[in-house]
Amino acid sequence: MVDNVPPRQVWEALRSNQQAQLVDVRTDAEWTFVGLPDLSSAGKQVVPIQWQLYPTMARNAAFVDQLKEAGFTPEHHIYFICRSGQRSYAAAQAAQDAGFPNAYNIADGFEGAPDADGHRGVTAGWKAEGLPWRQR
């Protein structure tokens, strides 16, 4: 079972645990137009690996291979993020199933659910928590 970890707790893990890494599973279009977590002050970089491929949104069949190519091992603590926490949950489950036992989902993702006005990034998620991020 995949644990949902609050964004601020993930940020602390990234800063304090050398084996902790963040994988952003959104699409290239989202990275470009919405932004990415900025881990530079933690001495790390986000590892972007799409869970679904834009524009068809077909599942990325090479996802697990790309995790391995990025250098991840079972010892890593891998935190997965997407827009709202749905795709990243599925990606974390796939990682666990592939032999990465320390795979976690970032609760509410990068932008969280939309507020009453339909805006994301305001009520929950990485951005709403005021954690560092940048435009690509």
C-alpha atoms as a PDB file:
ATOM      1  CA  MET A   1       0.000   0.000   0.000  1.00  0.00           C
ATOM      2  CA  VAL A   2       1.253   3.461  -0.895  1.00  0.00           C
ATOM      3  CA  ASP A   3       1.440   6.081   1.847  1.00  0.00           C
ATOM      4  CA  ASN A   4       0.181   9.592   1.102  1.00  0.00           C
ATOM      5  CA  VAL A   5       2.712  12.024   2.574  1.00  0.00           C
ATOM      6  CA  PRO A   6       1.898  15.725   3.115  1.00  0.00           C
ATOM      7  CA  PRO A   7       4.007  18.092   0.962  1.00  0.00           C
ATOM      8  CA  ARG A   8       5.734  19.798   3.903  1.00  0.00           C
ATOM      9  CA  GLN A   9       6.791  16.414   5.328  1.00  0.00           C
ATOM     10  CA  VAL A  10       8.194  15.483   1.911  1.00  0.00           C
ATOM     11  CA  TRP A  11      10.134  18.754   1.805  1.00  0.00           C
ATOM     12  CA  GLU A  12      11.707  17.968   5.193  1.00  0.00           C
ATOM     13  CA  ALA A  13      12.580  14.433   4.046  1.00  0.00           C
ATOM     14  CA  LEU A  14      14.200  15.801   0.877  1.00  0.00           C
ATOM     15  CA  ARG A  15      16.281  18.197   2.960  1.00  0.00           C
ATOM     16  CA  SER A  16      17.341  15.682   5.627  1.00  0.00           C
ATOM     17  CA  ASN A  17      17.565  12.286   3.900  1.00  0.00           C
ATOM     18  CA  GLN A  18      20.221  11.831   1.249  1.00  0.00           C
ATOM     19  CA  GLN A  19      18.325   8.827  -0.153  1.00  0.00           C
ATOM     20  CA  ALA A  20      15.121  10.861  -0.642  1.00  0.00           C
ATOM     21  CA  GLN A  21      14.249  11.994  -4.171  1.00  0.00           C
ATOM     22  CA  LEU A  22      11.248  13.567  -5.894  1.00  0.00           C
ATOM     23  CA  VAL A  23       9.911  12.247  -9.185  1.00  0.00           C
ATOM     24  CA  ASP A  24       7.440  14.478 -11.019  1.00  0.00           C
ATOM     25  CA  VAL A  25       5.181  12.232 -13.110  1.00  0.00           C
ATOM     26  CA  ARG A  26       3.199  14.970 -14.877  1.00  0.00           C
ATOM     27  CA  THR A  27       3.535  15.613 -18.602  1.00  0.00           C
ATOM     28  CA  ASP A  28       6.122  17.717 -20.351  1.00  0.00           C
ATOM     29  CA  ALA A  29       3.402  20.287 -21.099  1.00  0.00           C
ATOM     30  CA  GLU A  30       2.610  20.582 -17.369  1.00  0.00           C
ATOM     31  CA  TRP A  31       6.279  20.982 -16.447  1.00  0.00           C
ATOM     32  CA  THR A  32       6.611  23.732 -19.038  1.00  0.00           C
ATOM     33  CA  PHE A  33       3.402  25.665 -18.447  1.00  0.00           C
ATOM     34  CA  VAL A  34       2.615  25.037 -14.752  1.00  0.00           C
ATOM     35  CA  GLY A  35       6.078  24.730 -13.189  1.00  0.00           C
ATOM     36  CA  LEU A  36       8.115  22.287 -11.118  1.00  0.00           C
ATOM     37  CA  PRO A  37       9.103  21.964  -7.471  1.00  0.00           C
ATOM     38  CA  ASP A  38      12.440  23.720  -6.939  1.00  0.00           C
ATOM     39  CA  LEU A  39      14.723  21.514  -4.848  1.00  0.00           C
ATOM     40  CA  SER A  40      17.893  23.570  -5.327  1.00  0.00           C
ATOM     41  CA  SER A  41      18.008  24.728  -1.702  1.00  0.00           C
ATOM     42  CA  ALA A  42      17.897  21.052  -0.670  1.00  0.00           C
ATOM     43  CA  GLY A  43      20.811  20.326  -3.021  1.00  0.00           C
ATOM     44  CA  LYS A  44      18.663  18.172  -5.300  1.00  0.00           C
ATOM     45  CA  GLN A  45      16.830  18.274  -8.593  1.00  0.00           C
ATOM     46  CA  VAL A  46      13.411  16.973  -9.528  1.00  0.00           C
ATOM     47  CA  VAL A  47      13.514  13.866 -11.699  1.00  0.00           C
ATOM     48  CA  PRO A  48      10.843  14.307 -14.396  1.00  0.00           C
ATOM     49  CA  ILE A  49       9.441  10.990 -15.669  1.00  0.00           C
ATOM     50  CA  GLN A  50       6.008  11.060 -17.307  1.00  0.00           C
ATOM     51  CA  TRP A  51       3.468   8.522 -16.027  1.00  0.00           C
ATOM     52  CA  GLN A  52       1.242   9.264 -19.019  1.00  0.00           C
ATOM     53  CA  LEU A  53       2.405  10.564 -22.368  1.00  0.00           C
ATOM     54  CA  TYR A  54       1.046  13.836 -23.711  1.00  0.00           C
ATOM     55  CA  PRO A  55      -1.096  14.365 -25.789  1.00  0.00           C
ATOM     56  CA  THR A  56      -2.663  10.869 -25.880  1.00  0.00           C
ATOM     57  CA  MET A  57      -2.313  10.359 -22.105  1.00  0.00           C
ATOM     58  CA  ALA A  58      -1.445   6.712 -22.736  1.00  0.00           C
ATOM     59  CA  ARG A  59       0.448   5.124 -19.853  1.00  0.00           C
ATOM     60  CA  ASN A  60       4.206   5.350 -20.264  1.00  0.00           C
ATOM     61  CA  ALA A  61       5.179   1.685 -20.767  1.00  0.00           C
ATOM     62  CA  ALA A  62       8.838   2.560 -20.090  1.00  0.00           C
ATOM     63  CA  PHE A  63       8.131   4.194 -16.713  1.00  0.00           C
ATOM     64  CA  VAL A  64       9.836   1.579 -14.509  1.00  0.00           C
ATOM     65  CA  ASP A  65      12.777   1.292 -16.906  1.00  0.00           C
ATOM     66  CA  GLN A  66      13.167   5.080 -16.768  1.00  0.00           C
ATOM     67  CA  LEU A  67      13.231   4.961 -12.954  1.00  0.00           C
ATOM     68  CA  LYS A  68      16.072   2.455 -13.158  1.00  0.00           C
ATOM     69  CA  GLU A  69      17.859   4.500 -15.842  1.00  0.00           C
ATOM     70  CA  ALA A  70      17.640   7.524 -13.521  1.00  0.00           C
ATOM     71  CA  GLY A  71      19.683   5.528 -10.999  1.00  0.00           C
ATOM     72  CA  PHE A  72      17.014   4.665  -8.459  1.00  0.00           C
ATOM     73  CA  THR A  73      17.590   1.622  -6.271  1.00  0.00           C
ATOM     74  CA  PRO A  74      15.407  -0.093  -3.645  1.00  0.00           C
ATOM     75  CA  GLU A  75      17.249   1.925  -0.982  1.00  0.00           C
ATOM     76  CA  HIS A  76      15.955   5.248  -2.290  1.00  0.00           C
ATOM     77  CA  HIS A  77      12.936   6.933  -0.755  1.00  0.00           C
ATOM     78  CA  ILE A  78      11.062   8.064  -3.844  1.00  0.00           C
ATOM     79  CA  TYR A  79       8.308  10.661  -3.519  1.00  0.00           C
ATOM     80  CA  PHE A  80       6.011  10.919  -6.541  1.00  0.00           C
ATOM     81  CA  ILE A  81       4.098  14.084  -7.429  1.00  0.00           C
ATOM     82  CA  CYS A  82       1.521  14.976 -10.083  1.00  0.00           C
ATOM     83  CA  ARG A  83      -1.100  17.706 -10.293  1.00  0.00           C
ATOM     84  CA  SER A  84      -3.512  16.381  -7.654  1.00  0.00           C
ATOM     85  CA  GLY A  85      -2.094  13.122  -6.290  1.00  0.00           C
ATOM     86  CA  GLN A  86      -3.962  10.669  -8.524  1.00  0.00           C
ATOM     87  CA  ARG A  87      -1.410   9.795 -11.220  1.00  0.00           C
ATOM     88  CA  SER A  88       1.422   9.939  -8.698  1.00  0.00           C
ATOM     89  CA  TYR A  89      -0.379   7.419  -6.489  1.00  0.00           C
ATOM     90  CA  ALA A  90      -0.588   4.989  -9.423  1.00  0.00           C
ATOM     91  CA  ALA A  91       3.071   5.644 -10.270  1.00  0.00           C
ATOM     92  CA  ALA A  92       4.151   4.987  -6.668  1.00  0.00           C
ATOM     93  CA  GLN A  93       2.160   1.740  -6.675  1.00  0.00           C
ATOM     94  CA  ALA A  94       3.860   0.670  -9.919  1.00  0.00           C
ATOM     95  CA  ALA A  95       7.254   1.510  -8.395  1.00  0.00           C
ATOM     96  CA  GLN A  96       6.500  -0.569  -5.306  1.00  0.00           C
ATOM     97  CA  ASP A  97       5.360  -3.451  -7.506  1.00  0.00           C
ATOM     98  CA  ALA A  98       8.650  -3.168  -9.446  1.00  0.00           C
ATOM     99  CA  GLY A  99      10.816  -3.542  -6.320  1.00  0.00           C
ATOM    100  CA  PHE A 100      11.066  -0.001  -4.948  1.00  0.00           C
ATOM    101  CA  PRO A 101       9.591  -0.497  -1.450  1.00  0.00           C
ATOM    102  CA  ASN A 102      10.091   3.114  -0.329  1.00  0.00           C
ATOM    103  CA  ALA A 103       7.785   4.711  -2.900  1.00  0.00           C
ATOM    104  CA  TYR A 104       5.378   7.366  -1.623  1.00  0.00           C
ATOM    105  CA  ASN A 105       2.666   9.612  -3.006  1.00  0.00           C
ATOM    106  CA  ILE A 106       2.715  13.343  -2.282  1.00  0.00           C
ATOM    107  CA  ALA A 107      -0.754  14.089  -0.940  1.00  0.00           C
ATOM    108  CA  ASP A 108      -2.670  16.654  -3.014  1.00  0.00           C
ATOM    109  CA  GLY A 109       0.129  16.827  -5.587  1.00  0.00           C
ATOM    110  CA  PHE A 110       1.604  20.025  -6.961  1.00  0.00           C
ATOM    111  CA  GLU A 111      -1.644  22.010  -7.274  1.00  0.00           C
ATOM    112  CA  GLY A 112      -4.297  20.125  -5.293  1.00  0.00           C
ATOM    113  CA  ALA A 113      -8.002  20.143  -6.008  1.00  0.00           C
ATOM    114  CA  PRO A 114      -9.665  23.229  -7.453  1.00  0.00           C
ATOM    115  CA  ASP A 115     -11.187  25.769  -5.067  1.00  0.00           C
ATOM    116  CA  ALA A 116     -14.777  27.048  -5.298  1.00  0.00           C
ATOM    117  CA  ASP A 117     -13.766  29.289  -8.216  1.00  0.00           C
ATOM    118  CA  GLY A 118     -12.058  26.447 -10.089  1.00  0.00           C
ATOM    119  CA  HIS A 119      -8.509  27.611  -9.345  1.00  0.00           C
ATOM    120  CA  ARG A 120      -5.795  25.112  -8.401  1.00  0.00           C
ATOM    121  CA  GLY A 121      -2.714  25.681  -6.258  1.00  0.00           C
ATOM    122  CA  VAL A 122      -4.620  27.670  -3.649  1.00  0.00           C
ATOM    123  CA  THR A 123      -6.157  25.279  -1.124  1.00  0.00           C
ATOM    124  CA  ALA A 124      -3.864  22.234  -1.041  1.00  0.00           C
ATOM    125  CA  GLY A 125      -0.693  20.774  -2.526  1.00  0.00           C
ATOM    126  CA  TRP A 126       2.934  21.794  -2.955  1.00  0.00           C
ATOM    127  CA  LYS A 127       2.201  25.313  -4.242  1.00  0.00           C
ATOM    128  CA  ALA A 128      -0.488  26.065  -1.637  1.00  0.00           C
ATOM    129  CA  GLU A 129       1.939  25.031   1.114  1.00  0.00           C
ATOM    130  CA  GLY A 130       4.308  27.758  -0.081  1.00  0.00           C
ATOM    131  CA  LEU A 131       7.053  25.282  -0.905  1.00  0.00           C
ATOM    132  CA  PRO A 132       9.652  26.325  -3.494  1.00  0.00           C
ATOM    133  CA  TRP A 133       8.791  25.972  -7.167  1.00  0.00           C
ATOM    134  CA  ARG A 134       9.758  27.546 -10.466  1.00  0.00           C
ATOM    135  CA  GLN A 135       8.630  27.915 -14.035  1.00  0.00           C
ATOM    136  CA  ARG A 136      10.616  25.808 -16.454  1.00  0.00           C
END
